[in-house]
Amino acid sequence: MNATNPGTLFMMVVAVVFTFGVAYIAHRGVTGSTAVSIAINVIQISALLVFSVMAIGYRMNHPPGSVAYQFDSTTGEAYTYEFATTQTTANGQTTDTIVRDANMVPQPKLDAAGKPVPYHISYPTADDKEIFCHIPRGVRRRIHNVGWMFVQATVAILILVGFESVTAMGGEARNAKRDVPIAVIVSLLVQGAFCYLFEYFAANYFLNSGYTMQTAVGSSAPIGDMMVVVGDALFGQGHGRTFHCWSRPSRCS
């Protein structure tokens, strides 16, 4: 339990409220359920397309060496300055730790004049530990690691779920034998061949030294993190969170 997570009781209340909401939609019948499904899909696809365009625009407008944002996982915000660090020793190992204030906000690294050092973006293929960060332009798209391929396959399967809900409409369709198979195939094409592929490209194209693959792996909502960065770049620092909550309200509840 913390300021952003009131606890188990709160989540139980939300679950019960949503149960009644879903029951009400079901009570309205197939027409109400269809309308809600269409509205949800329109909102999700619109947010996905907007984010993808913004992510690609962010990369194109921030060439290597330019001042950009770096994401801080602790605060969930993006900053345009280098983080000040201090060396700490634990278990015989010395590591660099980010200096933070009482609110856990990372403090800027200062230059000789006492001004924050701007953060300059780069697009490395791997970090100093040879861990994959980003696929550079011009590299042929191929399987780089079989294990990662299976991980990505499971993500793809989870993203494509929902097409089977079309078959539930078979009892209401005028010509189910003709229309339901077409609806299933079209939904797979829209989700997989268009939406998923476009967002996958945009997210990978966006990855940079300020938000690496390792940061995304350690996050519960990497697309939301990216939305914070591109939102700050477009609307000003601190406003990326608003864009994130508008497009993915479930992550801000």
C-alpha atoms as a PDB file:
ATOM      1  CA  MET A   1       0.000   0.000   0.000  1.00  0.00           C
ATOM      2  CA  ASN A   2       1.219   3.474  -0.919  1.00  0.00           C
ATOM      3  CA  ALA A   3      -0.039   6.811  -2.226  1.00  0.00           C
ATOM      4  CA  THR A   4      -0.806   5.394  -5.696  1.00  0.00           C
ATOM      5  CA  ASN A   5      -2.061   1.975  -4.538  1.00  0.00           C
ATOM      6  CA  PRO A   6      -4.645   2.285  -1.727  1.00  0.00           C
ATOM      7  CA  GLY A   7      -4.508  -1.453  -1.129  1.00  0.00           C
ATOM      8  CA  THR A   8      -6.363  -4.732  -1.543  1.00  0.00           C
ATOM      9  CA  LEU A   9      -9.690  -3.439  -0.207  1.00  0.00           C
ATOM     10  CA  PHE A  10      -9.737  -0.651  -2.796  1.00  0.00           C
ATOM     11  CA  MET A  11      -9.023  -3.113  -5.604  1.00  0.00           C
ATOM     12  CA  MET A  12     -11.808  -5.388  -4.346  1.00  0.00           C
ATOM     13  CA  VAL A  13     -14.260  -2.470  -4.436  1.00  0.00           C
ATOM     14  CA  VAL A  14     -13.208  -1.604  -7.980  1.00  0.00           C
ATOM     15  CA  ALA A  15     -13.660  -5.247  -9.032  1.00  0.00           C
ATOM     16  CA  VAL A  16     -17.196  -5.331  -7.623  1.00  0.00           C
ATOM     17  CA  VAL A  17     -18.107  -2.036  -9.311  1.00  0.00           C
ATOM     18  CA  PHE A  18     -16.800  -3.280 -12.656  1.00  0.00           C
ATOM     19  CA  THR A  19     -18.772  -6.502 -12.194  1.00  0.00           C
ATOM     20  CA  PHE A  20     -22.005  -4.556 -11.969  1.00  0.00           C
ATOM     21  CA  GLY A  21     -20.920  -2.454 -14.945  1.00  0.00           C
ATOM     22  CA  VAL A  22     -20.313  -5.520 -17.096  1.00  0.00           C
ATOM     23  CA  ALA A  23     -23.583  -7.068 -15.911  1.00  0.00           C
ATOM     24  CA  TYR A  24     -25.457  -3.910 -16.922  1.00  0.00           C
ATOM     25  CA  ILE A  25     -23.908  -4.000 -20.394  1.00  0.00           C
ATOM     26  CA  ALA A  26     -24.918  -7.657 -20.734  1.00  0.00           C
ATOM     27  CA  HIS A  27     -28.411  -6.778 -19.544  1.00  0.00           C
ATOM     28  CA  ARG A  28     -28.718  -4.230 -22.357  1.00  0.00           C
ATOM     29  CA  GLY A  29     -28.272  -7.090 -24.791  1.00  0.00           C
ATOM     30  CA  VAL A  30     -26.140  -7.577 -27.870  1.00  0.00           C
ATOM     31  CA  THR A  31     -26.699  -4.030 -29.128  1.00  0.00           C
ATOM     32  CA  GLY A  32     -25.301  -2.451 -25.970  1.00  0.00           C
ATOM     33  CA  SER A  33     -22.386  -4.889 -25.818  1.00  0.00           C
ATOM     34  CA  THR A  34     -21.493  -4.206 -29.437  1.00  0.00           C
ATOM     35  CA  ALA A  35     -21.611  -0.445 -28.936  1.00  0.00           C
ATOM     36  CA  VAL A  36     -19.308  -0.639 -25.897  1.00  0.00           C
ATOM     37  CA  SER A  37     -16.880  -2.941 -27.739  1.00  0.00           C
ATOM     38  CA  ILE A  38     -16.756  -0.594 -30.712  1.00  0.00           C
ATOM     39  CA  ALA A  39     -16.151   2.428 -28.476  1.00  0.00           C
ATOM     40  CA  ILE A  40     -13.334   0.676 -26.574  1.00  0.00           C
ATOM     41  CA  ASN A  41     -11.633  -0.461 -29.772  1.00  0.00           C
ATOM     42  CA  VAL A  42     -11.893   2.966 -31.382  1.00  0.00           C
ATOM     43  CA  ILE A  43     -10.325   4.608 -28.319  1.00  0.00           C
ATOM     44  CA  GLN A  44      -7.530   2.023 -28.070  1.00  0.00           C
ATOM     45  CA  ILE A  45      -6.652   2.056 -31.759  1.00  0.00           C
ATOM     46  CA  SER A  46      -6.749   5.857 -31.882  1.00  0.00           C
ATOM     47  CA  ALA A  47      -4.444   6.124 -28.857  1.00  0.00           C
ATOM     48  CA  LEU A  48      -2.113   3.529 -30.395  1.00  0.00           C
ATOM     49  CA  LEU A  49      -1.862   5.388 -33.690  1.00  0.00           C
ATOM     50  CA  VAL A  50      -1.339   8.738 -31.967  1.00  0.00           C
ATOM     51  CA  PHE A  51       1.417   7.289 -29.775  1.00  0.00           C
ATOM     52  CA  SER A  52       3.113   5.561 -32.719  1.00  0.00           C
ATOM     53  CA  VAL A  53       3.210   8.754 -34.765  1.00  0.00           C
ATOM     54  CA  MET A  54       4.530  10.707 -31.762  1.00  0.00           C
ATOM     55  CA  ALA A  55       7.203   8.065 -31.032  1.00  0.00           C
ATOM     56  CA  ILE A  56       8.449   8.137 -34.614  1.00  0.00           C
ATOM     57  CA  GLY A  57       8.367  11.946 -34.586  1.00  0.00           C
ATOM     58  CA  TYR A  58      10.359  12.010 -31.332  1.00  0.00           C
ATOM     59  CA  ARG A  59      13.111   9.879 -32.855  1.00  0.00           C
ATOM     60  CA  MET A  60      13.247  11.927 -36.063  1.00  0.00           C
ATOM     61  CA  ASN A  61      13.400  15.232 -34.147  1.00  0.00           C
ATOM     62  CA  HIS A  62      16.101  14.059 -31.741  1.00  0.00           C
ATOM     63  CA  PRO A  63      19.173  13.004 -33.709  1.00  0.00           C
ATOM     64  CA  PRO A  64      22.171  11.556 -31.826  1.00  0.00           C
ATOM     65  CA  GLY A  65      23.869  14.194 -29.679  1.00  0.00           C
ATOM     66  CA  SER A  66      20.837  16.448 -29.343  1.00  0.00           C
ATOM     67  CA  VAL A  67      19.328  17.461 -26.001  1.00  0.00           C
ATOM     68  CA  ALA A  68      16.475  15.119 -25.122  1.00  0.00           C
ATOM     69  CA  TYR A  69      14.714  13.413 -22.222  1.00  0.00           C
ATOM     70  CA  GLN A  70      15.844  10.512 -20.108  1.00  0.00           C
ATOM     71  CA  PHE A  71      13.313   8.500 -18.126  1.00  0.00           C
ATOM     72  CA  ASP A  72      13.544   7.866 -14.395  1.00  0.00           C
ATOM     73  CA  SER A  73      11.819   4.639 -13.350  1.00  0.00           C
ATOM     74  CA  THR A  74      11.560   5.632  -9.687  1.00  0.00           C
ATOM     75  CA  THR A  75       9.506   8.789 -10.217  1.00  0.00           C
ATOM     76  CA  GLY A  76       7.989   7.707 -13.525  1.00  0.00           C
ATOM     77  CA  GLU A  77       8.936  11.057 -15.067  1.00  0.00           C
ATOM     78  CA  ALA A  78      11.328  12.273 -17.774  1.00  0.00           C
ATOM     79  CA  TYR A  79      14.047  14.888 -17.338  1.00  0.00           C
ATOM     80  CA  THR A  80      16.253  16.857 -19.722  1.00  0.00           C
ATOM     81  CA  TYR A  81      19.359  16.873 -17.518  1.00  0.00           C
ATOM     82  CA  GLU A  82      22.066  14.417 -16.541  1.00  0.00           C
ATOM     83  CA  PHE A  83      21.493  12.785 -13.168  1.00  0.00           C
ATOM     84  CA  ALA A  84      23.954  13.442 -10.358  1.00  0.00           C
ATOM     85  CA  THR A  85      25.400  10.213  -8.974  1.00  0.00           C
ATOM     86  CA  THR A  86      27.347   9.124  -5.929  1.00  0.00           C
ATOM     87  CA  GLN A  87      29.305   5.954  -5.314  1.00  0.00           C
ATOM     88  CA  THR A  88      27.922   3.483  -2.791  1.00  0.00           C
ATOM     89  CA  THR A  89      29.470   0.214  -1.659  1.00  0.00           C
ATOM     90  CA  ALA A  90      27.406  -2.882  -0.862  1.00  0.00           C
ATOM     91  CA  ASN A  91      28.656  -6.455  -0.483  1.00  0.00           C
ATOM     92  CA  GLY A  92      32.085  -5.349  -1.567  1.00  0.00           C
ATOM     93  CA  GLN A  93      30.842  -3.867  -4.852  1.00  0.00           C
ATOM     94  CA  THR A  94      30.922  -0.159  -5.639  1.00  0.00           C
ATOM     95  CA  THR A  95      28.143   1.190  -7.836  1.00  0.00           C
ATOM     96  CA  ASP A  96      26.943   4.610  -8.948  1.00  0.00           C
ATOM     97  CA  THR A  97      23.677   5.638  -7.287  1.00  0.00           C
ATOM     98  CA  ILE A  98      21.486   8.513  -8.431  1.00  0.00           C
ATOM     99  CA  VAL A  99      21.292  11.380  -5.936  1.00  0.00           C
ATOM    100  CA  ARG A 100      17.667  12.129  -5.007  1.00  0.00           C
ATOM    101  CA  ASP A 101      15.853  14.653  -2.839  1.00  0.00           C
ATOM    102  CA  ALA A 102      13.273  13.898  -0.151  1.00  0.00           C
ATOM    103  CA  ASN A 103      10.613  13.327  -2.840  1.00  0.00           C
ATOM    104  CA  MET A 104      12.898  10.886  -4.702  1.00  0.00           C
ATOM    105  CA  VAL A 105      13.300  13.314  -7.601  1.00  0.00           C
ATOM    106  CA  PRO A 106      16.717  12.779  -9.259  1.00  0.00           C
ATOM    107  CA  GLN A 107      19.020  15.746  -8.805  1.00  0.00           C
ATOM    108  CA  PRO A 108      20.786  17.286 -11.823  1.00  0.00           C
ATOM    109  CA  LYS A 109      24.481  16.981 -12.432  1.00  0.00           C
ATOM    110  CA  LEU A 110      25.994  20.482 -12.356  1.00  0.00           C
ATOM    111  CA  ASP A 111      28.718  21.915 -14.572  1.00  0.00           C
ATOM    112  CA  ALA A 112      31.520  24.256 -13.498  1.00  0.00           C
ATOM    113  CA  ALA A 113      29.125  27.206 -13.634  1.00  0.00           C
ATOM    114  CA  GLY A 114      26.635  25.448 -11.354  1.00  0.00           C
ATOM    115  CA  LYS A 115      24.082  24.873 -14.123  1.00  0.00           C
ATOM    116  CA  PRO A 116      22.413  21.504 -14.874  1.00  0.00           C
ATOM    117  CA  VAL A 117      24.216  19.477 -17.534  1.00  0.00           C
ATOM    118  CA  PRO A 118      21.794  18.824 -20.438  1.00  0.00           C
ATOM    119  CA  TYR A 119      21.127  15.205 -21.343  1.00  0.00           C
ATOM    120  CA  HIS A 120      22.339  14.298 -24.841  1.00  0.00           C
ATOM    121  CA  ILE A 121      20.621  11.362 -26.488  1.00  0.00           C
ATOM    122  CA  SER A 122      22.265   8.486 -28.334  1.00  0.00           C
ATOM    123  CA  TYR A 123      21.090   5.259 -29.950  1.00  0.00           C
ATOM    124  CA  PRO A 124      23.529   2.504 -28.914  1.00  0.00           C
ATOM    125  CA  THR A 125      23.118  -1.033 -30.181  1.00  0.00           C
ATOM    126  CA  ALA A 126      24.245  -2.380 -26.770  1.00  0.00           C
ATOM    127  CA  ASP A 127      25.215  -0.951 -23.400  1.00  0.00           C
ATOM    128  CA  ASP A 128      28.577  -1.249 -21.653  1.00  0.00           C
ATOM    129  CA  LYS A 129      27.669  -4.789 -20.540  1.00  0.00           C
ATOM    130  CA  GLU A 130      26.946  -5.836 -24.152  1.00  0.00           C
ATOM    131  CA  ILE A 131      23.245  -6.084 -23.383  1.00  0.00           C
ATOM    132  CA  PHE A 132      20.972  -5.402 -26.357  1.00  0.00           C
ATOM    133  CA  CYS A 133      19.470  -1.907 -26.347  1.00  0.00           C
ATOM    134  CA  HIS A 134      18.319  -1.005 -29.819  1.00  0.00           C
ATOM    135  CA  ILE A 135      18.331  -2.319 -33.393  1.00  0.00           C
ATOM    136  CA  PRO A 136      20.176   0.249 -35.545  1.00  0.00           C
ATOM    137  CA  ARG A 137      18.928   1.376 -38.906  1.00  0.00           C
ATOM    138  CA  GLY A 138      20.024  -0.763 -41.818  1.00  0.00           C
ATOM    139  CA  VAL A 139      20.193  -4.005 -39.822  1.00  0.00           C
ATOM    140  CA  ARG A 140      18.269  -6.830 -41.437  1.00  0.00           C
ATOM    141  CA  ARG A 141      15.288  -7.925 -39.393  1.00  0.00           C
ATOM    142  CA  ARG A 142      16.105 -11.447 -38.269  1.00  0.00           C
ATOM    143  CA  ILE A 143      15.983 -13.615 -35.153  1.00  0.00           C
ATOM    144  CA  HIS A 144      18.749 -12.367 -32.836  1.00  0.00           C
ATOM    145  CA  ASN A 145      17.894 -14.721 -29.970  1.00  0.00           C
ATOM    146  CA  VAL A 146      15.574 -17.733 -30.052  1.00  0.00           C
ATOM    147  CA  GLY A 147      14.570 -17.242 -26.412  1.00  0.00           C
ATOM    148  CA  TRP A 148      13.558 -13.634 -27.065  1.00  0.00           C
ATOM    149  CA  MET A 149      11.598 -14.813 -30.098  1.00  0.00           C
ATOM    150  CA  PHE A 150       9.426 -17.066 -27.910  1.00  0.00           C
ATOM    151  CA  VAL A 151       8.952 -14.278 -25.355  1.00  0.00           C
ATOM    152  CA  GLN A 152       7.815 -11.962 -28.141  1.00  0.00           C
ATOM    153  CA  ALA A 153       5.522 -14.683 -29.488  1.00  0.00           C
ATOM    154  CA  THR A 154       3.726 -14.933 -26.131  1.00  0.00           C
ATOM    155  CA  VAL A 155       3.281 -11.154 -26.081  1.00  0.00           C
ATOM    156  CA  ALA A 156       1.903 -11.250 -29.624  1.00  0.00           C
ATOM    157  CA  ILE A 157      -0.593 -13.959 -28.667  1.00  0.00           C
ATOM    158  CA  LEU A 158      -1.803 -11.907 -25.680  1.00  0.00           C
ATOM    159  CA  ILE A 159      -2.179  -8.829 -27.876  1.00  0.00           C
ATOM    160  CA  LEU A 160      -4.212 -10.702 -30.476  1.00  0.00           C
ATOM    161  CA  VAL A 161      -6.726 -12.151 -28.018  1.00  0.00           C
ATOM    162  CA  GLY A 162     -10.202 -10.792 -28.478  1.00  0.00           C
ATOM    163  CA  PHE A 163     -10.803 -11.900 -32.029  1.00  0.00           C
ATOM    164  CA  GLU A 164     -12.606 -14.958 -30.658  1.00  0.00           C
ATOM    165  CA  SER A 165     -15.288 -12.669 -29.208  1.00  0.00           C
ATOM    166  CA  VAL A 166     -16.514 -12.212 -32.766  1.00  0.00           C
ATOM    167  CA  THR A 167     -17.630 -15.825 -32.814  1.00  0.00           C
ATOM    168  CA  ALA A 168     -19.902 -15.146 -29.831  1.00  0.00           C
ATOM    169  CA  MET A 169     -21.960 -12.974 -32.147  1.00  0.00           C
ATOM    170  CA  GLY A 170     -22.760 -15.937 -34.385  1.00  0.00           C
ATOM    171  CA  GLY A 171     -26.190 -16.390 -32.854  1.00  0.00           C
ATOM    172  CA  GLU A 172     -27.119 -12.793 -33.682  1.00  0.00           C
ATOM    173  CA  ALA A 173     -25.628 -12.607 -37.179  1.00  0.00           C
ATOM    174  CA  ARG A 174     -27.990 -12.761 -40.130  1.00  0.00           C
ATOM    175  CA  ASN A 175     -25.573 -14.906 -42.127  1.00  0.00           C
ATOM    176  CA  ALA A 176     -23.174 -16.330 -39.536  1.00  0.00           C
ATOM    177  CA  LYS A 177     -21.665 -18.932 -41.879  1.00  0.00           C
ATOM    178  CA  ARG A 178     -20.461 -16.179 -44.196  1.00  0.00           C
ATOM    179  CA  ASP A 179     -19.919 -13.189 -41.912  1.00  0.00           C
ATOM    180  CA  VAL A 180     -18.283 -14.656 -38.773  1.00  0.00           C
ATOM    181  CA  PRO A 181     -15.222 -16.181 -40.536  1.00  0.00           C
ATOM    182  CA  ILE A 182     -14.691 -12.922 -42.410  1.00  0.00           C
ATOM    183  CA  ALA A 183     -14.968 -10.937 -39.159  1.00  0.00           C
ATOM    184  CA  VAL A 184     -12.407 -13.191 -37.424  1.00  0.00           C
ATOM    185  CA  ILE A 185      -9.876 -12.874 -40.263  1.00  0.00           C
ATOM    186  CA  VAL A 186     -10.368  -9.114 -40.576  1.00  0.00           C
ATOM    187  CA  SER A 187      -9.967  -8.600 -36.822  1.00  0.00           C
ATOM    188  CA  LEU A 188      -6.694 -10.571 -36.872  1.00  0.00           C
ATOM    189  CA  LEU A 189      -5.431  -8.539 -39.798  1.00  0.00           C
ATOM    190  CA  VAL A 190      -6.350  -5.232 -38.143  1.00  0.00           C
ATOM    191  CA  GLN A 191      -4.768  -6.197 -34.810  1.00  0.00           C
ATOM    192  CA  GLY A 192      -1.738  -8.117 -36.038  1.00  0.00           C
ATOM    193  CA  ALA A 193      -0.835  -6.966 -39.543  1.00  0.00           C
ATOM    194  CA  PHE A 194      -1.568  -3.298 -38.879  1.00  0.00           C
ATOM    195  CA  CYS A 195      -1.907  -2.143 -35.260  1.00  0.00           C
ATOM    196  CA  TYR A 196       0.576  -4.492 -33.581  1.00  0.00           C
ATOM    197  CA  LEU A 197       3.167  -4.298 -36.368  1.00  0.00           C
ATOM    198  CA  PHE A 198       2.991  -0.498 -36.532  1.00  0.00           C
ATOM    199  CA  GLU A 199       3.291  -0.029 -32.771  1.00  0.00           C
ATOM    200  CA  TYR A 200       6.081  -2.631 -32.556  1.00  0.00           C
ATOM    201  CA  PHE A 201       8.090  -0.715 -35.151  1.00  0.00           C
ATOM    202  CA  ALA A 202       7.410   2.656 -33.513  1.00  0.00           C
ATOM    203  CA  ALA A 203       8.351   1.451 -30.016  1.00  0.00           C
ATOM    204  CA  ASN A 204      11.602  -0.136 -31.224  1.00  0.00           C
ATOM    205  CA  TYR A 205      12.445   2.925 -33.310  1.00  0.00           C
ATOM    206  CA  PHE A 206      11.943   5.086 -30.211  1.00  0.00           C
ATOM    207  CA  LEU A 207      14.315   3.151 -27.893  1.00  0.00           C
ATOM    208  CA  ASN A 208      17.378   5.191 -27.000  1.00  0.00           C
ATOM    209  CA  SER A 209      19.974   5.814 -24.305  1.00  0.00           C
ATOM    210  CA  GLY A 210      17.368   7.708 -22.256  1.00  0.00           C
ATOM    211  CA  TYR A 211      14.955   4.763 -22.379  1.00  0.00           C
ATOM    212  CA  THR A 212      16.652   1.478 -23.200  1.00  0.00           C
ATOM    213  CA  MET A 213      15.348  -2.016 -23.704  1.00  0.00           C
ATOM    214  CA  GLN A 214      16.454  -2.871 -20.148  1.00  0.00           C
ATOM    215  CA  THR A 215      14.296  -0.047 -18.763  1.00  0.00           C
ATOM    216  CA  ALA A 216      11.343  -1.342 -20.754  1.00  0.00           C
ATOM    217  CA  VAL A 217      11.883  -4.908 -19.529  1.00  0.00           C
ATOM    218  CA  GLY A 218      11.875  -3.764 -15.905  1.00  0.00           C
ATOM    219  CA  SER A 219       8.700  -1.721 -16.309  1.00  0.00           C
ATOM    220  CA  SER A 220       5.122  -2.907 -15.827  1.00  0.00           C
ATOM    221  CA  ALA A 221       3.944  -0.501 -18.551  1.00  0.00           C
ATOM    222  CA  PRO A 222       6.758   0.331 -21.019  1.00  0.00           C
ATOM    223  CA  ILE A 223       4.422   1.883 -23.585  1.00  0.00           C
ATOM    224  CA  GLY A 224       3.092   4.135 -20.822  1.00  0.00           C
ATOM    225  CA  ASP A 225       6.657   5.177 -19.963  1.00  0.00           C
ATOM    226  CA  MET A 226       7.304   6.038 -23.604  1.00  0.00           C
ATOM    227  CA  MET A 227       4.088   8.051 -23.667  1.00  0.00           C
ATOM    228  CA  VAL A 228       5.379  10.100 -20.741  1.00  0.00           C
ATOM    229  CA  VAL A 229       8.608  10.886 -22.622  1.00  0.00           C
ATOM    230  CA  VAL A 230       7.012  11.786 -25.960  1.00  0.00           C
ATOM    231  CA  GLY A 231       4.230  13.665 -24.151  1.00  0.00           C
ATOM    232  CA  ASP A 232       6.775  15.779 -22.278  1.00  0.00           C
ATOM    233  CA  ALA A 233       8.610  16.483 -25.530  1.00  0.00           C
ATOM    234  CA  LEU A 234       5.416  17.631 -27.253  1.00  0.00           C
ATOM    235  CA  PHE A 235       3.457  19.328 -24.464  1.00  0.00           C
ATOM    236  CA  GLY A 236       6.262  20.363 -22.114  1.00  0.00           C
ATOM    237  CA  GLN A 237       7.908  18.701 -19.144  1.00  0.00           C
ATOM    238  CA  GLY A 238       5.403  17.368 -16.642  1.00  0.00           C
ATOM    239  CA  HIS A 239       2.556  17.135 -19.154  1.00  0.00           C
ATOM    240  CA  GLY A 240       3.511  13.724 -20.517  1.00  0.00           C
ATOM    241  CA  ARG A 241       1.716  12.116 -17.591  1.00  0.00           C
ATOM    242  CA  THR A 242      -1.530  13.788 -18.689  1.00  0.00           C
ATOM    243  CA  PHE A 243      -1.168  12.323 -22.188  1.00  0.00           C
ATOM    244  CA  HIS A 244      -0.407   8.919 -20.688  1.00  0.00           C
ATOM    245  CA  CYS A 245      -3.521   8.991 -18.490  1.00  0.00           C
ATOM    246  CA  TRP A 246      -5.732  10.161 -21.345  1.00  0.00           C
ATOM    247  CA  SER A 247      -4.679   7.333 -23.647  1.00  0.00           C
ATOM    248  CA  ARG A 248      -4.332   4.587 -20.996  1.00  0.00           C
ATOM    249  CA  PRO A 249      -6.607   5.579 -18.073  1.00  0.00           C
ATOM    250  CA  SER A 250      -6.401   2.128 -16.476  1.00  0.00           C
ATOM    251  CA  ARG A 251      -2.715   2.801 -15.703  1.00  0.00           C
ATOM    252  CA  CYS A 252      -3.533   5.988 -13.818  1.00  0.00           C
ATOM    253  CA  SER A 253      -6.399   4.759 -11.656  1.00  0.00           C
END
